[in-house]
Amino acid sequence: QVQLVESGGGLVQAGGSLRLSCAASGRTFSIYAMGWFRQAPGKEREFVAGKRWDGDTTSYSDSVKGRFTISKDNAKNTVYLQMNSLRPEEPAVYYCAAGSRLVVNRRGYDYWGQGTQVTVSS
């Protein structure tokens, strides 16, 4: 079993920055990849960024490339999503996820955090 706890959400003005954190515990040795997803009201949960748990391979959606960065603190078993230049159309609940593959499909992940709200003001 893997537990994921997210933090760092909040209100930010357009063009501002936030850093989300996802602390993993439990059977973290079973994790192959971590992903960040977001879901806006009435929308599908969409892939934002992903990273190999034990490796440097990363993946980003086209909409966030160059603005968002996923990273990992190995000592803390914590994955971060640094979000810069946030846009008004990007408010959503952000979720971190752990799975056995680094894929963009939400169904490829086995464990999910509770979500953290990000609101972007215009």
N, C-alpha and C. Protein backbone atom coordinates (compact mmCIF):
# COMPACT_ATOMS: atom_id res chain seq x y z
N GLN A 1 0.83 -1.18 0.00
CA GLN A 1 0.00 0.00 0.00
C GLN A 1 0.88 1.24 0.00
N VAL A 2 0.46 2.24 -0.77
CA VAL A 2 1.15 3.51 -0.86
C VAL A 2 0.19 4.61 -0.45
N GLN A 3 0.69 5.52 0.36
CA GLN A 3 -0.08 6.68 0.75
C GLN A 3 0.56 7.94 0.17
N LEU A 4 -0.25 8.82 -0.36
CA LEU A 4 0.21 10.06 -0.95
C LEU A 4 -0.52 11.22 -0.30
N VAL A 5 0.24 12.21 0.14
CA VAL A 5 -0.33 13.38 0.78
C VAL A 5 0.16 14.61 0.05
N GLU A 6 -0.78 15.39 -0.48
CA GLU A 6 -0.47 16.58 -1.25
C GLU A 6 -0.61 17.82 -0.40
N SER A 7 0.16 18.83 -0.75
CA SER A 7 0.06 20.12 -0.10
C SER A 7 0.59 21.19 -1.04
N GLY A 8 0.34 22.44 -0.70
CA GLY A 8 0.89 23.54 -1.45
C GLY A 8 -0.09 24.30 -2.32
N GLY A 9 -1.32 23.83 -2.41
CA GLY A 9 -2.30 24.53 -3.20
C GLY A 9 -2.73 25.83 -2.55
N GLY A 10 -3.43 26.64 -3.31
CA GLY A 10 -3.89 27.91 -2.80
C GLY A 10 -4.29 28.85 -3.91
N LEU A 11 -4.38 30.11 -3.56
CA LEU A 11 -4.77 31.15 -4.49
C LEU A 11 -3.54 31.89 -4.98
N VAL A 12 -3.46 32.06 -6.29
CA VAL A 12 -2.34 32.76 -6.88
C VAL A 12 -2.85 33.62 -8.03
N GLN A 13 -2.22 34.75 -8.23
CA GLN A 13 -2.59 35.61 -9.34
C GLN A 13 -2.02 35.06 -10.65
N ALA A 14 -2.69 35.39 -11.72
CA ALA A 14 -2.19 34.99 -13.03
C ALA A 14 -0.75 35.47 -13.21
N GLY A 15 0.09 34.59 -13.70
CA GLY A 15 1.50 34.89 -13.85
C GLY A 15 2.34 34.52 -12.65
N GLY A 16 1.69 34.16 -11.56
CA GLY A 16 2.40 33.80 -10.36
C GLY A 16 2.83 32.35 -10.34
N SER A 17 3.38 31.94 -9.19
CA SER A 17 3.95 30.61 -9.06
C SER A 17 3.47 29.93 -7.79
N LEU A 18 3.42 28.62 -7.84
CA LEU A 18 3.15 27.77 -6.69
C LEU A 18 4.00 26.52 -6.81
N ARG A 19 4.32 25.94 -5.67
CA ARG A 19 4.98 24.65 -5.66
C ARG A 19 4.12 23.66 -4.88
N LEU A 20 3.71 22.62 -5.54
CA LEU A 20 2.95 21.56 -4.91
C LEU A 20 3.88 20.46 -4.45
N SER A 21 3.53 19.83 -3.33
CA SER A 21 4.31 18.74 -2.79
C SER A 21 3.46 17.49 -2.67
N CYS A 22 4.07 16.35 -2.85
CA CYS A 22 3.40 15.07 -2.69
C CYS A 22 4.34 14.15 -1.93
N ALA A 23 4.01 13.90 -0.68
CA ALA A 23 4.82 13.03 0.16
C ALA A 23 4.31 11.60 0.08
N ALA A 24 5.18 10.69 -0.27
CA ALA A 24 4.82 9.29 -0.42
C ALA A 24 5.31 8.49 0.78
N SER A 25 4.50 7.55 1.21
CA SER A 25 4.87 6.67 2.31
C SER A 25 4.30 5.29 2.05
N GLY A 26 4.67 4.36 2.91
CA GLY A 26 4.23 2.99 2.74
C GLY A 26 5.20 2.21 1.87
N ARG A 27 4.66 1.44 0.94
CA ARG A 27 5.47 0.59 0.08
C ARG A 27 5.99 1.38 -1.12
N THR A 28 6.80 2.38 -0.82
CA THR A 28 7.31 3.24 -1.89
C THR A 28 8.25 2.50 -2.83
N PHE A 29 8.82 1.39 -2.38
CA PHE A 29 9.70 0.63 -3.25
C PHE A 29 8.96 0.02 -4.43
N SER A 30 7.65 -0.04 -4.34
CA SER A 30 6.85 -0.59 -5.42
C SER A 30 6.50 0.45 -6.49
N ILE A 31 6.84 1.70 -6.27
CA ILE A 31 6.50 2.77 -7.20
C ILE A 31 7.49 2.81 -8.35
N TYR A 32 6.96 2.85 -9.55
CA TYR A 32 7.80 3.01 -10.73
C TYR A 32 7.77 4.45 -11.23
N ALA A 33 6.60 5.09 -11.17
CA ALA A 33 6.47 6.43 -11.70
C ALA A 33 5.49 7.24 -10.85
N MET A 34 5.73 8.54 -10.83
CA MET A 34 4.83 9.48 -10.19
C MET A 34 4.29 10.42 -11.24
N GLY A 35 3.02 10.76 -11.10
CA GLY A 35 2.41 11.69 -12.02
C GLY A 35 1.63 12.77 -11.30
N TRP A 36 1.52 13.90 -11.93
CA TRP A 36 0.65 14.98 -11.49
C TRP A 36 -0.47 15.14 -12.50
N PHE A 37 -1.69 15.19 -12.00
CA PHE A 37 -2.87 15.40 -12.82
C PHE A 37 -3.65 16.58 -12.27
N ARG A 38 -4.52 17.13 -13.10
CA ARG A 38 -5.41 18.17 -12.63
C ARG A 38 -6.79 17.99 -13.23
N GLN A 39 -7.78 18.46 -12.50
CA GLN A 39 -9.16 18.32 -12.93
C GLN A 39 -9.93 19.59 -12.62
N ALA A 40 -10.46 20.19 -13.65
CA ALA A 40 -11.30 21.36 -13.52
C ALA A 40 -12.76 20.92 -13.52
N PRO A 41 -13.66 21.75 -12.98
CA PRO A 41 -15.08 21.38 -12.97
C PRO A 41 -15.60 21.06 -14.36
N GLY A 42 -16.27 19.92 -14.47
CA GLY A 42 -16.85 19.51 -15.73
C GLY A 42 -15.86 18.97 -16.74
N LYS A 43 -14.61 18.81 -16.35
CA LYS A 43 -13.58 18.34 -17.26
C LYS A 43 -13.02 17.00 -16.81
N GLU A 44 -12.40 16.32 -17.74
CA GLU A 44 -11.70 15.08 -17.42
C GLU A 44 -10.43 15.39 -16.65
N ARG A 45 -10.04 14.47 -15.80
CA ARG A 45 -8.76 14.60 -15.13
C ARG A 45 -7.65 14.40 -16.16
N GLU A 46 -6.75 15.36 -16.25
CA GLU A 46 -5.75 15.34 -17.30
C GLU A 46 -4.34 15.29 -16.75
N PHE A 47 -3.49 14.66 -17.51
CA PHE A 47 -2.09 14.54 -17.16
C PHE A 47 -1.39 15.88 -17.26
N VAL A 48 -0.55 16.17 -16.30
CA VAL A 48 0.24 17.40 -16.30
C VAL A 48 1.73 17.10 -16.43
N ALA A 49 2.24 16.27 -15.56
CA ALA A 49 3.66 15.95 -15.56
C ALA A 49 3.88 14.61 -14.90
N GLY A 50 4.96 13.95 -15.27
CA GLY A 50 5.29 12.67 -14.68
C GLY A 50 6.79 12.48 -14.58
N LYS A 51 7.19 11.59 -13.69
CA LYS A 51 8.61 11.33 -13.46
C LYS A 51 8.81 9.91 -12.98
N ARG A 52 9.86 9.29 -13.45
CA ARG A 52 10.29 8.02 -12.90
C ARG A 52 10.62 8.19 -11.42
N TRP A 53 10.18 7.24 -10.61
CA TRP A 53 10.48 7.31 -9.19
C TRP A 53 11.98 7.21 -8.94
N ASP A 54 12.60 6.30 -9.62
CA ASP A 54 14.04 6.07 -9.48
C ASP A 54 14.71 6.30 -10.82
N GLY A 55 14.81 7.55 -11.19
CA GLY A 55 15.41 7.92 -12.45
C GLY A 55 15.08 9.35 -12.81
N ASP A 56 15.68 9.82 -13.88
CA ASP A 56 15.55 11.22 -14.27
C ASP A 56 14.54 11.44 -15.39
N THR A 57 13.98 10.39 -15.94
CA THR A 57 13.04 10.54 -17.03
C THR A 57 11.80 11.30 -16.58
N THR A 58 11.45 12.33 -17.33
CA THR A 58 10.27 13.13 -17.03
C THR A 58 9.41 13.28 -18.27
N SER A 59 8.18 13.67 -18.05
CA SER A 59 7.24 13.88 -19.14
C SER A 59 6.31 15.02 -18.77
N TYR A 60 5.97 15.85 -19.76
CA TYR A 60 5.10 16.99 -19.53
C TYR A 60 4.05 17.09 -20.63
N SER A 61 2.89 17.56 -20.25
CA SER A 61 1.91 17.88 -21.27
C SER A 61 2.37 19.10 -22.05
N ASP A 62 1.93 19.20 -23.29
CA ASP A 62 2.37 20.30 -24.13
C ASP A 62 1.99 21.66 -23.54
N SER A 63 0.89 21.73 -22.84
CA SER A 63 0.41 23.00 -22.34
C SER A 63 1.25 23.57 -21.20
N VAL A 64 2.06 22.74 -20.54
CA VAL A 64 2.82 23.22 -19.39
C VAL A 64 4.33 23.16 -19.62
N LYS A 65 4.76 22.64 -20.74
CA LYS A 65 6.19 22.57 -21.01
C LYS A 65 6.83 23.95 -20.95
N GLY A 66 7.94 24.03 -20.25
CA GLY A 66 8.64 25.29 -20.11
C GLY A 66 8.17 26.12 -18.93
N ARG A 67 7.04 25.76 -18.33
CA ARG A 67 6.51 26.52 -17.19
C ARG A 67 6.47 25.69 -15.91
N PHE A 68 6.19 24.40 -16.04
CA PHE A 68 6.09 23.52 -14.88
C PHE A 68 7.30 22.59 -14.85
N THR A 69 7.71 22.23 -13.64
CA THR A 69 8.82 21.32 -13.46
C THR A 69 8.48 20.31 -12.39
N ILE A 70 8.66 19.03 -12.70
CA ILE A 70 8.48 17.98 -11.71
C ILE A 70 9.84 17.54 -11.22
N SER A 71 9.97 17.34 -9.92
CA SER A 71 11.23 16.93 -9.34
C SER A 71 10.97 16.06 -8.12
N LYS A 72 12.02 15.48 -7.59
CA LYS A 72 11.88 14.58 -6.46
C LYS A 72 13.02 14.77 -5.48
N ASP A 73 12.67 14.80 -4.20
CA ASP A 73 13.64 14.80 -3.12
C ASP A 73 13.72 13.36 -2.62
N ASN A 74 14.79 12.70 -2.97
CA ASN A 74 14.91 11.28 -2.64
C ASN A 74 14.95 11.03 -1.13
N ALA A 75 15.58 11.92 -0.39
CA ALA A 75 15.68 11.74 1.05
C ALA A 75 14.33 11.83 1.73
N LYS A 76 13.43 12.62 1.18
CA LYS A 76 12.12 12.83 1.79
C LYS A 76 11.01 12.03 1.13
N ASN A 77 11.32 11.29 0.06
CA ASN A 77 10.30 10.59 -0.70
C ASN A 77 9.15 11.53 -1.09
N THR A 78 9.53 12.70 -1.54
CA THR A 78 8.56 13.72 -1.87
C THR A 78 8.77 14.19 -3.30
N VAL A 79 7.69 14.27 -4.04
CA VAL A 79 7.70 14.77 -5.41
C VAL A 79 7.08 16.16 -5.43
N TYR A 80 7.68 17.03 -6.21
CA TYR A 80 7.23 18.41 -6.29
C TYR A 80 6.77 18.75 -7.70
N LEU A 81 5.86 19.69 -7.77
CA LEU A 81 5.48 20.28 -9.03
C LEU A 81 5.62 21.79 -8.89
N GLN A 82 6.66 22.33 -9.49
CA GLN A 82 6.86 23.77 -9.52
C GLN A 82 6.08 24.34 -10.69
N MET A 83 5.16 25.23 -10.39
CA MET A 83 4.29 25.80 -11.41
C MET A 83 4.58 27.29 -11.52
N ASN A 84 5.05 27.71 -12.66
CA ASN A 84 5.36 29.10 -12.93
C ASN A 84 4.44 29.64 -14.02
N SER A 85 4.29 30.95 -14.04
CA SER A 85 3.50 31.63 -15.07
C SER A 85 2.11 31.02 -15.18
N LEU A 86 1.45 30.87 -14.05
CA LEU A 86 0.12 30.27 -14.05
C LEU A 86 -0.88 31.13 -14.79
N ARG A 87 -1.78 30.46 -15.48
CA ARG A 87 -2.76 31.12 -16.32
C ARG A 87 -4.15 31.02 -15.72
N PRO A 88 -5.03 31.99 -15.99
CA PRO A 88 -6.38 31.97 -15.40
C PRO A 88 -7.18 30.73 -15.75
N GLU A 89 -6.89 30.11 -16.89
CA GLU A 89 -7.63 28.93 -17.30
C GLU A 89 -7.11 27.66 -16.66
N GLU A 90 -6.15 27.77 -15.75
CA GLU A 90 -5.56 26.59 -15.14
C GLU A 90 -5.97 26.30 -13.70
N PRO A 91 -6.98 26.98 -13.13
CA PRO A 91 -7.41 26.57 -11.80
C PRO A 91 -8.01 25.17 -11.84
N ALA A 92 -7.69 24.38 -10.87
CA ALA A 92 -8.15 23.00 -10.84
C ALA A 92 -7.73 22.37 -9.52
N VAL A 93 -8.26 21.19 -9.28
CA VAL A 93 -7.76 20.35 -8.22
C VAL A 93 -6.61 19.53 -8.79
N TYR A 94 -5.48 19.62 -8.15
CA TYR A 94 -4.31 18.89 -8.60
C TYR A 94 -4.12 17.65 -7.75
N TYR A 95 -3.85 16.54 -8.42
CA TYR A 95 -3.66 15.25 -7.76
C TYR A 95 -2.30 14.68 -8.11
N CYS A 96 -1.65 14.09 -7.13
CA CYS A 96 -0.48 13.29 -7.45
C CYS A 96 -0.88 11.83 -7.44
N ALA A 97 -0.14 11.04 -8.19
CA ALA A 97 -0.47 9.63 -8.36
C ALA A 97 0.80 8.81 -8.48
N ALA A 98 0.69 7.56 -8.09
CA ALA A 98 1.80 6.61 -8.19
C ALA A 98 1.34 5.39 -8.96
N GLY A 99 2.21 4.89 -9.81
CA GLY A 99 1.84 3.73 -10.60
C GLY A 99 3.03 2.95 -11.08
N SER A 100 2.74 1.97 -11.89
CA SER A 100 3.76 1.07 -12.40
C SER A 100 4.28 1.45 -13.78
N ARG A 101 3.73 2.49 -14.36
CA ARG A 101 4.16 2.96 -15.67
C ARG A 101 4.16 4.48 -15.71
N LEU A 102 5.04 5.03 -16.49
CA LEU A 102 5.05 6.47 -16.74
C LEU A 102 4.23 6.71 -18.00
N VAL A 103 2.96 6.99 -17.78
CA VAL A 103 2.02 7.17 -18.88
C VAL A 103 1.16 8.40 -18.60
N VAL A 104 0.45 8.85 -19.61
CA VAL A 104 -0.41 10.02 -19.47
C VAL A 104 -1.83 9.65 -19.10
N ASN A 105 -2.19 8.39 -19.22
CA ASN A 105 -3.54 7.94 -18.92
C ASN A 105 -3.72 7.75 -17.42
N ARG A 106 -4.73 8.38 -16.86
CA ARG A 106 -4.99 8.28 -15.43
C ARG A 106 -5.20 6.85 -14.97
N ARG A 107 -5.68 6.01 -15.85
CA ARG A 107 -5.95 4.63 -15.48
C ARG A 107 -4.68 3.80 -15.34
N GLY A 108 -3.55 4.38 -15.70
CA GLY A 108 -2.28 3.69 -15.52
C GLY A 108 -1.68 3.84 -14.14
N TYR A 109 -2.34 4.56 -13.27
CA TYR A 109 -1.83 4.80 -11.93
C TYR A 109 -2.69 4.10 -10.89
N ASP A 110 -2.04 3.62 -9.84
CA ASP A 110 -2.69 2.77 -8.86
C ASP A 110 -3.08 3.49 -7.57
N TYR A 111 -2.36 4.53 -7.22
CA TYR A 111 -2.60 5.24 -5.98
C TYR A 111 -2.71 6.72 -6.24
N TRP A 112 -3.58 7.37 -5.47
CA TRP A 112 -3.86 8.78 -5.67
C TRP A 112 -3.88 9.53 -4.35
N GLY A 113 -3.41 10.76 -4.38
CA GLY A 113 -3.56 11.64 -3.25
C GLY A 113 -4.96 12.21 -3.19
N GLN A 114 -5.22 12.98 -2.15
CA GLN A 114 -6.56 13.52 -1.93
C GLN A 114 -6.86 14.74 -2.79
N GLY A 115 -5.85 15.32 -3.38
CA GLY A 115 -6.02 16.50 -4.20
C GLY A 115 -5.79 17.79 -3.43
N THR A 116 -5.31 18.79 -4.12
CA THR A 116 -5.13 20.11 -3.53
C THR A 116 -5.60 21.16 -4.54
N GLN A 117 -6.36 22.12 -4.05
CA GLN A 117 -6.99 23.10 -4.92
C GLN A 117 -6.01 24.21 -5.29
N VAL A 118 -5.97 24.51 -6.56
CA VAL A 118 -5.20 25.65 -7.06
C VAL A 118 -6.18 26.59 -7.75
N THR A 119 -6.22 27.83 -7.29
CA THR A 119 -7.09 28.83 -7.88
C THR A 119 -6.24 29.96 -8.43
N VAL A 120 -6.47 30.31 -9.68
CA VAL A 120 -5.71 31.35 -10.35
C VAL A 120 -6.64 32.52 -10.63
N SER A 121 -6.32 33.67 -10.09
CA SER A 121 -7.12 34.86 -10.30
C SER A 121 -6.61 35.62 -11.52
N SER A 122 -7.53 36.27 -12.20
CA SER A 122 -7.19 37.01 -13.40
C SER A 122 -6.98 38.48 -13.12
